[in-house]
PDB file of N, CA and C in Angstrom:
ATOM      1  N   MET A   1     -16.842 -36.047  -7.923  1.00  0.00           N
ATOM      2  CA  MET A   1     -16.786 -36.407  -6.514  1.00  0.00           C
ATOM      3  C   MET A   1     -17.774 -35.551  -5.742  1.00  0.00           C
ATOM      4  N   LEU A   2     -18.455 -36.160  -4.777  1.00  0.00           N
ATOM      5  CA  LEU A   2     -19.429 -35.452  -3.956  1.00  0.00           C
ATOM      6  C   LEU A   2     -18.805 -34.996  -2.646  1.00  0.00           C
ATOM      7  N   ASN A   3     -19.346 -33.922  -2.085  1.00  0.00           N
ATOM      8  CA  ASN A   3     -18.897 -33.399  -0.807  1.00  0.00           C
ATOM      9  C   ASN A   3     -20.135 -33.117   0.041  1.00  0.00           C
ATOM     10  N   LEU A   4     -20.251 -33.785   1.183  1.00  0.00           N
ATOM     11  CA  LEU A   4     -21.366 -33.512   2.089  1.00  0.00           C
ATOM     12  C   LEU A   4     -21.103 -32.179   2.768  1.00  0.00           C
ATOM     13  N   ASN A   5     -22.013 -31.216   2.569  1.00  0.00           N
ATOM     14  CA  ASN A   5     -21.771 -29.899   3.144  1.00  0.00           C
ATOM     15  C   ASN A   5     -22.841 -29.447   4.120  1.00  0.00           C
ATOM     16  N   SER A   6     -23.986 -30.161   4.176  1.00  0.00           N
ATOM     17  CA  SER A   6     -24.992 -29.755   5.157  1.00  0.00           C
ATOM     18  C   SER A   6     -25.934 -30.906   5.499  1.00  0.00           C
ATOM     19  N   ILE A   7     -26.494 -30.807   6.690  1.00  0.00           N
ATOM     20  CA  ILE A   7     -27.522 -31.731   7.157  1.00  0.00           C
ATOM     21  C   ILE A   7     -28.670 -30.867   7.656  1.00  0.00           C
ATOM     22  N   MET A   8     -29.867 -31.154   7.160  1.00  0.00           N
ATOM     23  CA  MET A   8     -31.062 -30.422   7.581  1.00  0.00           C
ATOM     24  C   MET A   8     -31.982 -31.391   8.309  1.00  0.00           C
ATOM     25  N   VAL A   9     -32.420 -31.014   9.505  1.00  0.00           N
ATOM     26  CA  VAL A   9     -33.309 -31.845  10.312  1.00  0.00           C
ATOM     27  C   VAL A   9     -34.649 -31.125  10.422  1.00  0.00           C
ATOM     28  N   GLY A  10     -35.694 -31.753   9.865  1.00  0.00           N
ATOM     29  CA  GLY A  10     -37.033 -31.181   9.944  1.00  0.00           C
ATOM     30  C   GLY A  10     -37.704 -31.577  11.249  1.00  0.00           C
ATOM     31  N   SER A  11     -38.547 -30.677  11.770  1.00  0.00           N
ATOM     32  CA  SER A  11     -39.177 -30.924  13.060  1.00  0.00           C
ATOM     33  C   SER A  11     -40.532 -30.223  13.135  1.00  0.00           C
ATOM     34  N   SER A  12     -41.401 -30.755  13.984  1.00  0.00           N
ATOM     35  CA  SER A  12     -42.647 -30.064  14.292  1.00  0.00           C
ATOM     36  C   SER A  12     -42.444 -29.141  15.488  1.00  0.00           C
ATOM     37  N   GLN A  13     -41.279 -29.211  16.115  1.00  0.00           N
ATOM     38  CA  GLN A  13     -40.940 -28.347  17.245  1.00  0.00           C
ATOM     39  C   GLN A  13     -39.525 -27.775  17.055  1.00  0.00           C
ATOM     40  N   PRO A  14     -39.354 -26.945  16.023  1.00  0.00           N
ATOM     41  CA  PRO A  14     -38.006 -26.489  15.681  1.00  0.00           C
ATOM     42  C   PRO A  14     -37.315 -25.678  16.773  1.00  0.00           C
ATOM     43  N   GLN A  15     -38.056 -24.901  17.534  1.00  0.00           N
ATOM     44  CA  GLN A  15     -37.403 -24.097  18.579  1.00  0.00           C
ATOM     45  C   GLN A  15     -36.855 -24.981  19.693  1.00  0.00           C
ATOM     46  N   VAL A  16     -37.566 -26.056  20.011  1.00  0.00           N
ATOM     47  CA  VAL A  16     -37.069 -27.000  21.026  1.00  0.00           C
ATOM     48  C   VAL A  16     -35.753 -27.609  20.559  1.00  0.00           C
ATOM     49  N   LEU A  17     -35.707 -28.047  19.283  1.00  0.00           N
ATOM     50  CA  LEU A  17     -34.460 -28.613  18.757  1.00  0.00           C
ATOM     51  C   LEU A  17     -33.361 -27.557  18.698  1.00  0.00           C
ATOM     52  N   ALA A  18     -33.694 -26.331  18.297  1.00  0.00           N
ATOM     53  CA  ALA A  18     -32.690 -25.266  18.233  1.00  0.00           C
ATOM     54  C   ALA A  18     -32.099 -25.010  19.616  1.00  0.00           C
ATOM     55  N   ASP A  19     -32.939 -24.944  20.634  1.00  0.00           N
ATOM     56  CA  ASP A  19     -32.448 -24.726  21.994  1.00  0.00           C
ATOM     57  C   ASP A  19     -31.556 -25.884  22.445  1.00  0.00           C
ATOM     58  N   PHE A  20     -31.954 -27.105  22.101  1.00  0.00           N
ATOM     59  CA  PHE A  20     -31.186 -28.291  22.472  1.00  0.00           C
ATOM     60  C   PHE A  20     -29.813 -28.280  21.795  1.00  0.00           C
ATOM     61  N   TYR A  21     -29.772 -28.106  20.473  1.00  0.00           N
ATOM     62  CA  TYR A  21     -28.490 -28.160  19.768  1.00  0.00           C
ATOM     63  C   TYR A  21     -27.597 -26.969  20.095  1.00  0.00           C
ATOM     64  N   GLU A  22     -28.181 -25.849  20.491  1.00  0.00           N
ATOM     65  CA  GLU A  22     -27.369 -24.730  20.967  1.00  0.00           C
ATOM     66  C   GLU A  22     -26.546 -25.173  22.180  1.00  0.00           C
ATOM     67  N   LYS A  23     -27.161 -25.963  23.056  1.00  0.00           N
ATOM     68  CA  LYS A  23     -26.441 -26.482  24.226  1.00  0.00           C
ATOM     69  C   LYS A  23     -25.432 -27.556  23.815  1.00  0.00           C
ATOM     70  N   VAL A  24     -25.811 -28.431  22.890  1.00  0.00           N
ATOM     71  CA  VAL A  24     -24.888 -29.476  22.433  1.00  0.00           C
ATOM     72  C   VAL A  24     -23.640 -28.845  21.834  1.00  0.00           C
ATOM     73  N   PHE A  25     -23.814 -27.850  20.956  1.00  0.00           N
ATOM     74  CA  PHE A  25     -22.676 -27.235  20.273  1.00  0.00           C
ATOM     75  C   PHE A  25     -21.989 -26.165  21.119  1.00  0.00           C
ATOM     76  N   GLY A  26     -22.628 -25.752  22.212  1.00  0.00           N
ATOM     77  CA  GLY A  26     -22.027 -24.779  23.109  1.00  0.00           C
ATOM     78  C   GLY A  26     -21.915 -23.388  22.542  1.00  0.00           C
ATOM     79  N   LYS A  27     -22.829 -23.064  21.621  1.00  0.00           N
ATOM     80  CA  LYS A  27     -22.808 -21.718  21.041  1.00  0.00           C
ATOM     81  C   LYS A  27     -24.158 -21.434  20.405  1.00  0.00           C
ATOM     82  N   PRO A  28     -24.506 -20.151  20.269  1.00  0.00           N
ATOM     83  CA  PRO A  28     -25.744 -19.810  19.573  1.00  0.00           C
ATOM     84  C   PRO A  28     -25.652 -20.202  18.100  1.00  0.00           C
ATOM     85  N   ALA A  29     -26.780 -20.291  17.462  1.00  0.00           N
ATOM     86  CA  ALA A  29     -26.819 -20.623  16.035  1.00  0.00           C
ATOM     87  C   ALA A  29     -26.034 -19.586  15.237  1.00  0.00           C
ATOM     88  N   ASP A  30     -25.316 -20.059  14.233  1.00  0.00           N
ATOM     89  CA  ASP A  30     -24.606 -19.159  13.324  1.00  0.00           C
ATOM     90  C   ASP A  30     -25.575 -18.488  12.362  1.00  0.00           C
ATOM     91  N   MET A  31     -26.744 -19.112  12.196  1.00  0.00           N
ATOM     92  CA  MET A  31     -27.795 -18.581  11.326  1.00  0.00           C
ATOM     93  C   MET A  31     -29.131 -18.844  11.994  1.00  0.00           C
ATOM     94  N   ALA A  32     -29.963 -17.825  12.063  1.00  0.00           N
ATOM     95  CA  ALA A  32     -31.332 -17.979  12.567  1.00  0.00           C
ATOM     96  C   ALA A  32     -32.234 -17.148  11.678  1.00  0.00           C
ATOM     97  N   GLU A  33     -33.158 -17.838  11.010  1.00  0.00           N
ATOM     98  CA  GLU A  33     -34.076 -17.163  10.100  1.00  0.00           C
ATOM     99  C   GLU A  33     -35.433 -17.847  10.192  1.00  0.00           C
ATOM    100  N   GLY A  34     -36.404 -17.160  10.763  1.00  0.00           N
ATOM    101  CA  GLY A  34     -37.723 -17.759  10.953  1.00  0.00           C
ATOM    102  C   GLY A  34     -37.619 -18.972  11.860  1.00  0.00           C
ATOM    103  N   ASP A  35     -38.142 -20.104  11.392  1.00  0.00           N
ATOM    104  CA  ASP A  35     -38.099 -21.345  12.172  1.00  0.00           C
ATOM    105  C   ASP A  35     -36.824 -22.153  11.942  1.00  0.00           C
ATOM    106  N   TRP A  36     -35.859 -21.612  11.219  1.00  0.00           N
ATOM    107  CA  TRP A  36     -34.629 -22.354  10.922  1.00  0.00           C
ATOM    108  C   TRP A  36     -33.447 -21.797  11.699  1.00  0.00           C
ATOM    109  N   HIS A  37     -32.634 -22.713  12.222  1.00  0.00           N
ATOM    110  CA  HIS A  37     -31.411 -22.370  12.940  1.00  0.00           C
ATOM    111  C   HIS A  37     -30.310 -23.282  12.426  1.00  0.00           C
ATOM    112  N   GLY A  38     -29.109 -22.746  12.281  1.00  0.00           N
ATOM    113  CA  GLY A  38     -28.019 -23.558  11.760  1.00  0.00           C
ATOM    114  C   GLY A  38     -26.682 -23.216  12.383  1.00  0.00           C
ATOM    115  N   TRP A  39     -25.821 -24.231  12.437  1.00  0.00           N
ATOM    116  CA  TRP A  39     -24.496 -24.119  13.020  1.00  0.00           C
ATOM    117  C   TRP A  39     -23.454 -24.677  12.073  1.00  0.00           C
ATOM    118  N   SER A  40     -22.306 -24.012  12.002  1.00  0.00           N
ATOM    119  CA  SER A  40     -21.153 -24.584  11.327  1.00  0.00           C
ATOM    120  C   SER A  40     -20.508 -25.528  12.337  1.00  0.00           C
ATOM    121  N   VAL A  41     -20.456 -26.801  11.976  1.00  0.00           N
ATOM    122  CA  VAL A  41     -19.902 -27.832  12.861  1.00  0.00           C
ATOM    123  C   VAL A  41     -18.868 -28.589  12.045  1.00  0.00           C
ATOM    124  N   GLY A  42     -17.601 -28.350  12.324  1.00  0.00           N
ATOM    125  CA  GLY A  42     -16.556 -28.947  11.491  1.00  0.00           C
ATOM    126  C   GLY A  42     -16.703 -28.414  10.080  1.00  0.00           C
ATOM    127  N   SER A  43     -16.762 -29.304   9.106  1.00  0.00           N
ATOM    128  CA  SER A  43     -16.901 -28.875   7.712  1.00  0.00           C
ATOM    129  C   SER A  43     -18.337 -28.998   7.204  1.00  0.00           C
ATOM    130  N   VAL A  44     -19.296 -29.193   8.129  1.00  0.00           N
ATOM    131  CA  VAL A  44     -20.696 -29.362   7.752  1.00  0.00           C
ATOM    132  C   VAL A  44     -21.541 -28.260   8.388  1.00  0.00           C
ATOM    133  N   PHE A  45     -22.572 -27.820   7.667  1.00  0.00           N
ATOM    134  CA  PHE A  45     -23.545 -26.891   8.231  1.00  0.00           C
ATOM    135  C   PHE A  45     -24.728 -27.726   8.688  1.00  0.00           C
ATOM    136  N   PHE A  46     -25.032 -27.702   9.985  1.00  0.00           N
ATOM    137  CA  PHE A  46     -26.091 -28.497  10.597  1.00  0.00           C
ATOM    138  C   PHE A  46     -27.249 -27.565  10.915  1.00  0.00           C
ATOM    139  N   SER A  47     -28.439 -27.866  10.373  1.00  0.00           N
ATOM    140  CA  SER A  47     -29.578 -26.980  10.624  1.00  0.00           C
ATOM    141  C   SER A  47     -30.817 -27.750  11.053  1.00  0.00           C
ATOM    142  N   VAL A  48     -31.649 -27.077  11.821  1.00  0.00           N
ATOM    143  CA  VAL A  48     -32.937 -27.612  12.248  1.00  0.00           C
ATOM    144  C   VAL A  48     -34.003 -26.582  11.907  1.00  0.00           C
ATOM    145  N   GLY A  49     -35.185 -27.084  11.530  1.00  0.00           N
ATOM    146  CA  GLY A  49     -36.252 -26.153  11.191  1.00  0.00           C
ATOM    147  C   GLY A  49     -37.585 -26.841  11.024  1.00  0.00           C
ATOM    148  N   ALA A  50     -38.603 -26.039  10.842  1.00  0.00           N
ATOM    149  CA  ALA A  50     -39.962 -26.544  10.695  1.00  0.00           C
ATOM    150  C   ALA A  50     -40.125 -27.280   9.375  1.00  0.00           C
ATOM    151  N   HIS A  51     -40.855 -28.388   9.429  1.00  0.00           N
ATOM    152  CA  HIS A  51     -41.197 -29.140   8.221  1.00  0.00           C
ATOM    153  C   HIS A  51     -42.644 -29.576   8.355  1.00  0.00           C
ATOM    154  N   SER A  52     -43.473 -29.204   7.393  1.00  0.00           N
ATOM    155  CA  SER A  52     -44.912 -29.447   7.478  1.00  0.00           C
ATOM    156  C   SER A  52     -45.295 -30.921   7.500  1.00  0.00           C
ATOM    157  N   GLU A  53     -44.426 -31.793   7.016  1.00  0.00           N
ATOM    158  CA  GLU A  53     -44.767 -33.212   6.966  1.00  0.00           C
ATOM    159  C   GLU A  53     -44.143 -34.035   8.097  1.00  0.00           C
ATOM    160  N   VAL A  54     -43.502 -33.371   9.045  1.00  0.00           N
ATOM    161  CA  VAL A  54     -42.910 -34.074  10.182  1.00  0.00           C
ATOM    162  C   VAL A  54     -43.835 -33.909  11.381  1.00  0.00           C
ATOM    163  N   LYS A  55     -44.186 -35.028  11.979  1.00  0.00           N
ATOM    164  CA  LYS A  55     -45.055 -35.027  13.159  1.00  0.00           C
ATOM    165  C   LYS A  55     -44.437 -35.920  14.226  1.00  0.00           C
ATOM    166  N   ASP A  56     -44.595 -35.541  15.467  1.00  0.00           N
ATOM    167  CA  ASP A  56     -44.187 -36.361  16.607  1.00  0.00           C
ATOM    168  C   ASP A  56     -42.699 -36.692  16.592  1.00  0.00           C
ATOM    169  N   LYS A  57     -42.352 -37.793  17.257  1.00  0.00           N
ATOM    170  CA  LYS A  57     -40.955 -38.234  17.363  1.00  0.00           C
ATOM    171  C   LYS A  57     -40.576 -39.113  16.181  1.00  0.00           C
ATOM    172  N   ALA A  58     -39.268 -39.263  15.971  1.00  0.00           N
ATOM    173  CA  ALA A  58     -38.748 -40.113  14.899  1.00  0.00           C
ATOM    174  C   ALA A  58     -39.247 -41.550  15.099  1.00  0.00           C
ATOM    175  N   LYS A  59     -39.834 -42.120  14.051  1.00  0.00           N
ATOM    176  CA  LYS A  59     -40.379 -43.477  14.150  1.00  0.00           C
ATOM    177  C   LYS A  59     -39.313 -44.556  14.024  1.00  0.00           C
ATOM    178  N   GLU A  60     -38.256 -44.293  13.303  1.00  0.00           N
ATOM    179  CA  GLU A  60     -37.123 -45.213  13.152  1.00  0.00           C
ATOM    180  C   GLU A  60     -35.822 -44.423  13.341  1.00  0.00           C
ATOM    181  N   PRO A  61     -35.510 -44.061  14.573  1.00  0.00           N
ATOM    182  CA  PRO A  61     -34.350 -43.184  14.791  1.00  0.00           C
ATOM    183  C   PRO A  61     -33.013 -43.810  14.428  1.00  0.00           C
ATOM    184  N   GLN A  62     -32.983 -45.121  14.281  1.00  0.00           N
ATOM    185  CA  GLN A  62     -31.732 -45.781  13.914  1.00  0.00           C
ATOM    186  C   GLN A  62     -31.430 -45.660  12.418  1.00  0.00           C
ATOM    187  N   ARG A  63     -32.413 -45.248  11.639  1.00  0.00           N
ATOM    188  CA  ARG A  63     -32.258 -45.209  10.186  1.00  0.00           C
ATOM    189  C   ARG A  63     -31.138 -44.257   9.752  1.00  0.00           C
ATOM    190  N   LEU A  64     -31.026 -43.124  10.418  1.00  0.00           N
ATOM    191  CA  LEU A  64     -30.007 -42.129  10.079  1.00  0.00           C
ATOM    192  C   LEU A  64     -29.434 -41.589  11.379  1.00  0.00           C
ATOM    193  N   ILE A  65     -28.147 -41.740  11.565  1.00  0.00           N
ATOM    194  CA  ILE A  65     -27.496 -41.314  12.802  1.00  0.00           C
ATOM    195  C   ILE A  65     -26.413 -40.300  12.462  1.00  0.00           C
ATOM    196  N   PHE A  66     -26.428 -39.169  13.159  1.00  0.00           N
ATOM    197  CA  PHE A  66     -25.396 -38.147  13.000  1.00  0.00           C
ATOM    198  C   PHE A  66     -24.242 -38.499  13.927  1.00  0.00           C
ATOM    199  N   ASN A  67     -23.015 -38.428  13.431  1.00  0.00           N
ATOM    200  CA  ASN A  67     -21.834 -38.694  14.242  1.00  0.00           C
ATOM    201  C   ASN A  67     -21.050 -37.407  14.435  1.00  0.00           C
ATOM    202  N   PHE A  68     -20.801 -37.079  15.692  1.00  0.00           N
ATOM    203  CA  PHE A  68     -19.986 -35.926  16.034  1.00  0.00           C
ATOM    204  C   PHE A  68     -18.666 -36.440  16.588  1.00  0.00           C
ATOM    205  N   GLU A  69     -17.577 -36.037  15.954  1.00  0.00           N
ATOM    206  CA  GLU A  69     -16.250 -36.523  16.306  1.00  0.00           C
ATOM    207  C   GLU A  69     -15.663 -35.715  17.451  1.00  0.00           C
ATOM    208  N   THR A  70     -15.089 -36.439  18.423  1.00  0.00           N
ATOM    209  CA  THR A  70     -14.387 -35.807  19.533  1.00  0.00           C
ATOM    210  C   THR A  70     -13.391 -36.790  20.126  1.00  0.00           C
ATOM    211  N   LYS A  71     -12.278 -36.281  20.583  1.00  0.00           N
ATOM    212  CA  LYS A  71     -11.313 -37.134  21.281  1.00  0.00           C
ATOM    213  C   LYS A  71     -11.738 -37.349  22.731  1.00  0.00           C
ATOM    214  N   GLU A  72     -12.688 -36.565  23.210  1.00  0.00           N
ATOM    215  CA  GLU A  72     -13.153 -36.631  24.597  1.00  0.00           C
ATOM    216  C   GLU A  72     -14.566 -37.213  24.680  1.00  0.00           C
ATOM    217  N   VAL A  73     -14.764 -38.414  24.177  1.00  0.00           N
ATOM    218  CA  VAL A  73     -16.103 -39.018  24.155  1.00  0.00           C
ATOM    219  C   VAL A  73     -16.696 -39.102  25.557  1.00  0.00           C
ATOM    220  N   LYS A  74     -15.944 -39.589  26.515  1.00  0.00           N
ATOM    221  CA  LYS A  74     -16.488 -39.771  27.872  1.00  0.00           C
ATOM    222  C   LYS A  74     -16.865 -38.439  28.515  1.00  0.00           C
ATOM    223  N   GLU A  75     -16.008 -37.435  28.363  1.00  0.00           N
ATOM    224  CA  GLU A  75     -16.290 -36.124  28.951  1.00  0.00           C
ATOM    225  C   GLU A  75     -17.481 -35.456  28.257  1.00  0.00           C
ATOM    226  N   GLU A  76     -17.504 -35.503  26.933  1.00  0.00           N
ATOM    227  CA  GLU A  76     -18.620 -34.915  26.195  1.00  0.00           C
ATOM    228  C   GLU A  76     -19.922 -35.675  26.462  1.00  0.00           C
ATOM    229  N   PHE A  77     -19.814 -36.989  26.649  1.00  0.00           N
ATOM    230  CA  PHE A  77     -20.985 -37.787  26.991  1.00  0.00           C
ATOM    231  C   PHE A  77     -21.620 -37.254  28.279  1.00  0.00           C
ATOM    232  N   GLU A  78     -20.830 -37.037  29.301  1.00  0.00           N
ATOM    233  CA  GLU A  78     -21.357 -36.530  30.571  1.00  0.00           C
ATOM    234  C   GLU A  78     -21.976 -35.145  30.410  1.00  0.00           C
ATOM    235  N   ARG A  79     -21.289 -34.273  29.656  1.00  0.00           N
ATOM    236  CA  ARG A  79     -21.800 -32.910  29.448  1.00  0.00           C
ATOM    237  C   ARG A  79     -23.146 -32.944  28.735  1.00  0.00           C
ATOM    238  N   ILE A  80     -23.236 -33.720  27.661  1.00  0.00           N
ATOM    239  CA  ILE A  80     -24.461 -33.748  26.860  1.00  0.00           C
ATOM    240  C   ILE A  80     -25.578 -34.472  27.613  1.00  0.00           C
ATOM    241  N   LYS A  81     -25.244 -35.492  28.356  1.00  0.00           N
ATOM    242  CA  LYS A  81     -26.246 -36.162  29.194  1.00  0.00           C
ATOM    243  C   LYS A  81     -26.839 -35.168  30.189  1.00  0.00           C
ATOM    244  N   ASN A  82     -25.981 -34.315  30.760  1.00  0.00           N
ATOM    245  CA  ASN A  82     -26.426 -33.344  31.766  1.00  0.00           C
ATOM    246  C   ASN A  82     -27.255 -32.201  31.196  1.00  0.00           C
ATOM    247  N   ILE A  83     -27.240 -32.011  29.870  1.00  0.00           N
ATOM    248  CA  ILE A  83     -28.109 -30.969  29.298  1.00  0.00           C
ATOM    249  C   ILE A  83     -29.465 -31.534  28.896  1.00  0.00           C
ATOM    250  N   GLY A  84     -29.665 -32.848  29.113  1.00  0.00           N
ATOM    251  CA  GLY A  84     -30.983 -33.427  28.888  1.00  0.00           C
ATOM    252  C   GLY A  84     -31.131 -34.353  27.709  1.00  0.00           C
ATOM    253  N   ALA A  85     -30.025 -34.723  27.049  1.00  0.00           N
ATOM    254  CA  ALA A  85     -30.133 -35.685  25.951  1.00  0.00           C
ATOM    255  C   ALA A  85     -30.538 -37.040  26.515  1.00  0.00           C
ATOM    256  N   THR A  86     -31.305 -37.794  25.757  1.00  0.00           N
ATOM    257  CA  THR A  86     -31.682 -39.142  26.159  1.00  0.00           C
ATOM    258  C   THR A  86     -30.539 -40.091  25.825  1.00  0.00           C
ATOM    259  N   VAL A  87     -30.067 -40.800  26.818  1.00  0.00           N
ATOM    260  CA  VAL A  87     -28.974 -41.753  26.611  1.00  0.00           C
ATOM    261  C   VAL A  87     -29.536 -43.024  25.980  1.00  0.00           C
ATOM    262  N   ILE A  88     -29.002 -43.384  24.828  1.00  0.00           N
ATOM    263  CA  ILE A  88     -29.366 -44.636  24.160  1.00  0.00           C
ATOM    264  C   ILE A  88     -28.320 -45.703  24.499  1.00  0.00           C
ATOM    265  N   LYS A  89     -27.043 -45.324  24.442  1.00  0.00           N
ATOM    266  CA  LYS A  89     -25.966 -46.263  24.773  1.00  0.00           C
ATOM    267  C   LYS A  89     -24.820 -45.491  25.399  1.00  0.00           C
ATOM    268  N   GLU A  90     -24.417 -45.896  26.582  1.00  0.00           N
ATOM    269  CA  GLU A  90     -23.283 -45.290  27.285  1.00  0.00           C
ATOM    270  C   GLU A  90     -22.008 -45.524  26.468  1.00  0.00           C
ATOM    271  N   PRO A  91     -20.947 -44.758  26.741  1.00  0.00           N
ATOM    272  CA  PRO A  91     -19.705 -44.941  25.982  1.00  0.00           C
ATOM    273  C   PRO A  91     -19.196 -46.384  26.034  1.00  0.00           C
ATOM    274  N   TYR A  92     -18.790 -46.873  24.868  1.00  0.00           N
ATOM    275  CA  TYR A  92     -18.222 -48.211  24.759  1.00  0.00           C
ATOM    276  C   TYR A  92     -17.128 -48.176  23.705  1.00  0.00           C
ATOM    277  N   GLU A  93     -16.233 -49.143  23.788  1.00  0.00           N
ATOM    278  CA  GLU A  93     -15.124 -49.207  22.848  1.00  0.00           C
ATOM    279  C   GLU A  93     -15.422 -50.241  21.778  1.00  0.00           C
ATOM    280  N   LEU A  94     -15.189 -49.880  20.527  1.00  0.00           N
ATOM    281  CA  LEU A  94     -15.386 -50.773  19.395  1.00  0.00           C
ATOM    282  C   LEU A  94     -14.206 -50.587  18.446  1.00  0.00           C
ATOM    283  N   GLU A  95     -13.410 -51.608  18.291  1.00  0.00           N
ATOM    284  CA  GLU A  95     -12.253 -51.566  17.393  1.00  0.00           C
ATOM    285  C   GLU A  95     -11.393 -50.318  17.602  1.00  0.00           C
ATOM    286  N   LYS A  96     -11.051 -50.074  18.858  1.00  0.00           N
ATOM    287  CA  LYS A  96     -10.169 -48.978  19.277  1.00  0.00           C
ATOM    288  C   LYS A  96     -10.800 -47.597  19.154  1.00  0.00           C
ATOM    289  N   MET A  97     -12.110 -47.542  18.956  1.00  0.00           N
ATOM    290  CA  MET A  97     -12.829 -46.263  18.914  1.00  0.00           C
ATOM    291  C   MET A  97     -13.826 -46.232  20.064  1.00  0.00           C
ATOM    292  N   TRP A  98     -14.043 -45.044  20.621  1.00  0.00           N
ATOM    293  CA  TRP A  98     -15.068 -44.873  21.641  1.00  0.00           C
ATOM    294  C   TRP A  98     -16.303 -44.279  20.982  1.00  0.00           C
ATOM    295  N   ILE A  99     -17.475 -44.816  21.356  1.00  0.00           N
ATOM    296  CA  ILE A  99     -18.746 -44.396  20.779  1.00  0.00           C
ATOM    297  C   ILE A  99     -19.771 -44.269  21.902  1.00  0.00           C
ATOM    298  N   ALA A 100     -20.641 -43.284  21.811  1.00  0.00           N
ATOM    299  CA  ALA A 100     -21.780 -43.131  22.721  1.00  0.00           C
ATOM    300  C   ALA A 100     -22.959 -42.654  21.883  1.00  0.00           C
ATOM    301  N   THR A 101     -24.163 -43.105  22.210  1.00  0.00           N
ATOM    302  CA  THR A 101     -25.341 -42.772  21.414  1.00  0.00           C
ATOM    303  C   THR A 101     -26.397 -42.077  22.271  1.00  0.00           C
ATOM    304  N   PHE A 102     -26.960 -41.010  21.716  1.00  0.00           N
ATOM    305  CA  PHE A 102     -28.019 -40.222  22.346  1.00  0.00           C
ATOM    306  C   PHE A 102     -29.210 -40.095  21.406  1.00  0.00           C
ATOM    307  N   ALA A 103     -30.323 -39.594  21.948  1.00  0.00           N
ATOM    308  CA  ALA A 103     -31.458 -39.142  21.144  1.00  0.00           C
ATOM    309  C   ALA A 103     -31.736 -37.692  21.515  1.00  0.00           C
ATOM    310  N   ASP A 104     -32.077 -36.887  20.505  1.00  0.00           N
ATOM    311  CA  ASP A 104     -32.447 -35.491  20.748  1.00  0.00           C
ATOM    312  C   ASP A 104     -33.935 -35.433  21.129  1.00  0.00           C
ATOM    313  N   PRO A 105     -34.494 -34.245  21.390  1.00  0.00           N
ATOM    314  CA  PRO A 105     -35.899 -34.162  21.798  1.00  0.00           C
ATOM    315  C   PRO A 105     -36.906 -34.719  20.791  1.00  0.00           C
ATOM    316  N   ASP A 106     -36.538 -34.809  19.511  1.00  0.00           N
ATOM    317  CA  ASP A 106     -37.421 -35.411  18.502  1.00  0.00           C
ATOM    318  C   ASP A 106     -37.192 -36.915  18.376  1.00  0.00           C
ATOM    319  N   GLY A 107     -36.236 -37.450  19.125  1.00  0.00           N
ATOM    320  CA  GLY A 107     -35.934 -38.871  19.062  1.00  0.00           C
ATOM    321  C   GLY A 107     -34.883 -39.238  18.030  1.00  0.00           C
ATOM    322  N   ASN A 108     -34.330 -38.253  17.307  1.00  0.00           N
ATOM    323  CA  ASN A 108     -33.273 -38.532  16.328  1.00  0.00           C
ATOM    324  C   ASN A 108     -32.013 -38.975  17.059  1.00  0.00           C
ATOM    325  N   TYR A 109     -31.381 -40.021  16.569  1.00  0.00           N
ATOM    326  CA  TYR A 109     -30.154 -40.509  17.192  1.00  0.00           C
ATOM    327  C   TYR A 109     -28.946 -39.717  16.696  1.00  0.00           C
ATOM    328  N   PHE A 110     -28.017 -39.480  17.611  1.00  0.00           N
ATOM    329  CA  PHE A 110     -26.713 -38.941  17.246  1.00  0.00           C
ATOM    330  C   PHE A 110     -25.672 -39.580  18.148  1.00  0.00           C
ATOM    331  N   GLN A 111     -24.450 -39.651  17.635  1.00  0.00           N
ATOM    332  CA  GLN A 111     -23.390 -40.316  18.365  1.00  0.00           C
ATOM    333  C   GLN A 111     -22.173 -39.420  18.533  1.00  0.00           C
ATOM    334  N   LEU A 112     -21.464 -39.680  19.594  1.00  0.00           N
ATOM    335  CA  LEU A 112     -20.126 -39.141  19.780  1.00  0.00           C
ATOM    336  C   LEU A 112     -19.167 -40.257  19.397  1.00  0.00           C
ATOM    337  N   MET A 113     -18.128 -39.929  18.661  1.00  0.00           N
ATOM    338  CA  MET A 113     -17.159 -40.939  18.227  1.00  0.00           C
ATOM    339  C   MET A 113     -15.757 -40.348  18.257  1.00  0.00           C
ATOM    340  N   THR A 114     -14.792 -41.161  18.674  1.00  0.00           N
ATOM    341  CA  THR A 114     -13.415 -40.706  18.567  1.00  0.00           C
ATOM    342  C   THR A 114     -13.033 -40.694  17.090  1.00  0.00           C
ATOM    343  N   PRO A 115     -12.080 -39.867  16.722  1.00  0.00           N
ATOM    344  CA  PRO A 115     -11.679 -39.828  15.307  1.00  0.00           C
ATOM    345  C   PRO A 115     -11.225 -41.196  14.810  1.00  0.00           C
ATOM    346  N   TRP A 116     -11.618 -41.527  13.619  1.00  0.00           N
ATOM    347  CA  TRP A 116     -11.200 -42.786  13.002  1.00  0.00           C
ATOM    348  C   TRP A 116      -9.808 -42.592  12.462  1.00  0.00           C
ATOM    349  N   GLU A 117      -8.920 -43.470  12.834  1.00  0.00           N
ATOM    350  CA  GLU A 117      -7.523 -43.334  12.420  1.00  0.00           C
ATOM    351  C   GLU A 117      -7.128 -44.336  11.358  1.00  0.00           C
ATOM    352  N   GLY A 118      -8.016 -45.210  10.949  1.00  0.00           N
ATOM    353  CA  GLY A 118      -7.721 -46.163   9.894  1.00  0.00           C
ATOM    354  C   GLY A 118      -6.770 -47.248  10.352  1.00  0.00           C
ATOM    355  N   GLU A 119      -6.332 -48.044   9.414  1.00  0.00           N
ATOM    356  CA  GLU A 119      -5.405 -49.146   9.710  1.00  0.00           C
ATOM    357  C   GLU A 119      -4.039 -48.599  10.068  1.00  0.00           C
ATOM    358  N   LYS A 120      -3.414 -49.236  11.048  1.00  0.00           N
ATOM    359  CA  LYS A 120      -2.067 -48.806  11.455  1.00  0.00           C
ATOM    360  C   LYS A 120      -1.067 -49.849  11.068  1.00  0.00           C
TER     361      LYS A 120
END
């Protein structure tokens, strides 16, 4: 069985992304080494850093979307919008879940989602 334990986001502007995600997560990086910064977020380690083959903004930001779970989608949406995230889709309800979509400074998409509770 596999266990997802980390997500690494490469960037040509790693400090910009580090500053942005520090505001999203509401805390300084748990790890900072050179151009890499990382945070423990739930059970995953999320990191951003320099990558020599990454240039400009994400060309297909819909290809991979990070989902951050919260019971307060609407409140977190307002907070994250106010720190400068690009709004892709305002909060909406889908099958009893609330979802909102943003883009970070590199254009990578991420979403806020209420916890999935499965079939009742």
